Amino acid sequence: LVEDDDIDARILDKLAHKASIGGLELIRVKTYGAAIERLRQENNDFDVMLVDLGLPDAGNLDAVLGLQADCPSVPIVVLTGQRSM
């Protein structure tokens, strides 16, 4: 989970645990830079990335595109509080 907002992160953590998915471990970082660092430390060994569009160090899709380029085999779910058009 790449999410800088503590409240949103807590909500997602509760939802993940409520889903009762066996063996689920939610790892959270607050910035795009921290996400890249964590991916490299873990050798891209993640099943999915949940990525907020409003990160302090990456605008709009910059984080998503950067993470996708760095780790193309891991699916990305984009999280946003923006209203659809």
C-alpha atoms as a PDB file:
ATOM      1  CA  LEU A   1       0.000   0.000   0.000  1.00  0.00           C
ATOM      2  CA  VAL A   2       1.413   3.369  -1.043  1.00  0.00           C
ATOM      3  CA  GLU A   3      -0.763   5.853   0.859  1.00  0.00           C
ATOM      4  CA  ASP A   4       0.253   9.022   2.670  1.00  0.00           C
ATOM      5  CA  ASP A   5      -3.058   9.591   4.484  1.00  0.00           C
ATOM      6  CA  ASP A   6      -3.244   7.769   7.839  1.00  0.00           C
ATOM      7  CA  ILE A   7      -7.044   7.585   7.900  1.00  0.00           C
ATOM      8  CA  ASP A   8      -7.280   6.123   4.390  1.00  0.00           C
ATOM      9  CA  ALA A   9      -4.550   3.612   5.244  1.00  0.00           C
ATOM     10  CA  ARG A  10      -6.423   2.479   8.380  1.00  0.00           C
ATOM     11  CA  ILE A  11      -9.627   2.047   6.380  1.00  0.00           C
ATOM     12  CA  LEU A  12      -7.870  -0.084   3.778  1.00  0.00           C
ATOM     13  CA  ASP A  13      -6.171  -2.143   6.469  1.00  0.00           C
ATOM     14  CA  LYS A  14      -9.529  -2.847   8.137  1.00  0.00           C
ATOM     15  CA  LEU A  15     -11.129  -3.772   4.820  1.00  0.00           C
ATOM     16  CA  ALA A  16      -8.279  -6.118   3.977  1.00  0.00           C
ATOM     17  CA  HIS A  17      -8.532  -7.913   7.304  1.00  0.00           C
ATOM     18  CA  LYS A  18     -12.326  -8.024   7.114  1.00  0.00           C
ATOM     19  CA  ALA A  19     -12.041  -9.818   3.759  1.00  0.00           C
ATOM     20  CA  SER A  20     -10.343 -12.663   5.670  1.00  0.00           C
ATOM     21  CA  ILE A  21      -7.881 -13.456   2.929  1.00  0.00           C
ATOM     22  CA  GLY A  22      -5.520 -16.110   4.278  1.00  0.00           C
ATOM     23  CA  GLY A  23      -1.887 -15.079   4.554  1.00  0.00           C
ATOM     24  CA  LEU A  24      -2.592 -11.432   3.703  1.00  0.00           C
ATOM     25  CA  GLU A  25       0.090  -9.013   4.794  1.00  0.00           C
ATOM     26  CA  LEU A  26      -0.477  -5.338   4.074  1.00  0.00           C
ATOM     27  CA  ILE A  27       2.774  -3.388   3.938  1.00  0.00           C
ATOM     28  CA  ARG A  28       2.418   0.380   3.895  1.00  0.00           C
ATOM     29  CA  VAL A  29       4.734   3.146   2.785  1.00  0.00           C
ATOM     30  CA  LYS A  30       3.834   6.822   2.545  1.00  0.00           C
ATOM     31  CA  THR A  31       5.713   8.008  -0.545  1.00  0.00           C
ATOM     32  CA  TYR A  32       6.626   6.944  -4.060  1.00  0.00           C
ATOM     33  CA  GLY A  33      10.314   7.007  -3.126  1.00  0.00           C
ATOM     34  CA  ALA A  34       9.710   4.713  -0.172  1.00  0.00           C
ATOM     35  CA  ALA A  35       7.723   2.349  -2.412  1.00  0.00           C
ATOM     36  CA  ILE A  36      10.573   2.070  -4.925  1.00  0.00           C
ATOM     37  CA  GLU A  37      13.036   1.433  -2.096  1.00  0.00           C
ATOM     38  CA  ARG A  38      10.807  -1.243  -0.545  1.00  0.00           C
ATOM     39  CA  LEU A  39      10.253  -2.975  -3.888  1.00  0.00           C
ATOM     40  CA  ARG A  40      13.992  -3.203  -4.406  1.00  0.00           C
ATOM     41  CA  GLN A  41      14.574  -4.507  -0.861  1.00  0.00           C
ATOM     42  CA  GLU A  42      11.944  -7.211  -1.329  1.00  0.00           C
ATOM     43  CA  ASN A  43      13.072  -8.085  -4.883  1.00  0.00           C
ATOM     44  CA  ASN A  44       9.640  -7.094  -6.260  1.00  0.00           C
ATOM     45  CA  ASP A  45       8.086  -9.982  -4.327  1.00  0.00           C
ATOM     46  CA  PHE A  46       4.561  -8.567  -4.006  1.00  0.00           C
ATOM     47  CA  ASP A  47       1.240  -9.848  -5.310  1.00  0.00           C
ATOM     48  CA  VAL A  48      -0.354  -6.439  -5.896  1.00  0.00           C
ATOM     49  CA  MET A  49       0.316  -2.745  -5.253  1.00  0.00           C
ATOM     50  CA  LEU A  50      -2.365  -0.354  -4.050  1.00  0.00           C
ATOM     51  CA  VAL A  51      -1.220   3.143  -5.026  1.00  0.00           C
ATOM     52  CA  ASP A  52      -2.749   6.501  -4.118  1.00  0.00           C
ATOM     53  CA  LEU A  53      -2.757   9.114  -6.898  1.00  0.00           C
ATOM     54  CA  GLY A  54      -2.182  11.985  -4.475  1.00  0.00           C
ATOM     55  CA  LEU A  55       1.302  11.238  -3.141  1.00  0.00           C
ATOM     56  CA  PRO A  56       3.493  14.093  -1.883  1.00  0.00           C
ATOM     57  CA  ASP A  57       6.482  13.164  -4.076  1.00  0.00           C
ATOM     58  CA  ALA A  58       4.731  12.128  -7.300  1.00  0.00           C
ATOM     59  CA  GLY A  59       1.961  13.879  -9.157  1.00  0.00           C
ATOM     60  CA  ASN A  60      -1.061  12.122 -10.598  1.00  0.00           C
ATOM     61  CA  LEU A  61       0.032   9.061 -12.575  1.00  0.00           C
ATOM     62  CA  ASP A  62       3.792   9.619 -12.101  1.00  0.00           C
ATOM     63  CA  ALA A  63       3.992   7.144  -9.216  1.00  0.00           C
ATOM     64  CA  VAL A  64       1.888   4.550 -11.009  1.00  0.00           C
ATOM     65  CA  LEU A  65       3.945   4.783 -14.194  1.00  0.00           C
ATOM     66  CA  GLY A  66       7.229   4.710 -12.275  1.00  0.00           C
ATOM     67  CA  LEU A  67       6.213   1.691 -10.213  1.00  0.00           C
ATOM     68  CA  GLN A  68       4.945  -0.083 -13.304  1.00  0.00           C
ATOM     69  CA  ALA A  69       8.244   0.550 -15.098  1.00  0.00           C
ATOM     70  CA  ASP A  70      10.262  -0.636 -12.094  1.00  0.00           C
ATOM     71  CA  CYS A  71       8.128  -3.700 -11.413  1.00  0.00           C
ATOM     72  CA  PRO A  72       6.074  -4.597 -14.514  1.00  0.00           C
ATOM     73  CA  SER A  73       5.014  -8.045 -13.258  1.00  0.00           C
ATOM     74  CA  VAL A  74       3.071  -6.746 -10.234  1.00  0.00           C
ATOM     75  CA  PRO A  75      -0.509  -5.550 -10.830  1.00  0.00           C
ATOM     76  CA  ILE A  76      -1.340  -2.033  -9.625  1.00  0.00           C
ATOM     77  CA  VAL A  77      -4.668  -0.865  -8.227  1.00  0.00           C
ATOM     78  CA  VAL A  78      -4.976   2.915  -8.352  1.00  0.00           C
ATOM     79  CA  LEU A  79      -6.649   4.595  -5.392  1.00  0.00           C
ATOM     80  CA  THR A  80      -8.109   8.077  -5.663  1.00  0.00           C
ATOM     81  CA  GLY A  81     -10.568  10.299  -3.889  1.00  0.00           C
ATOM     82  CA  GLN A  82     -11.117  12.294  -7.066  1.00  0.00           C
ATOM     83  CA  ARG A  83     -14.600  12.338  -8.492  1.00  0.00           C
ATOM     84  CA  SER A  84     -15.069  10.827 -11.916  1.00  0.00           C
ATOM     85  CA  MET A  85     -15.846  13.130 -14.802  1.00  0.00           C
END
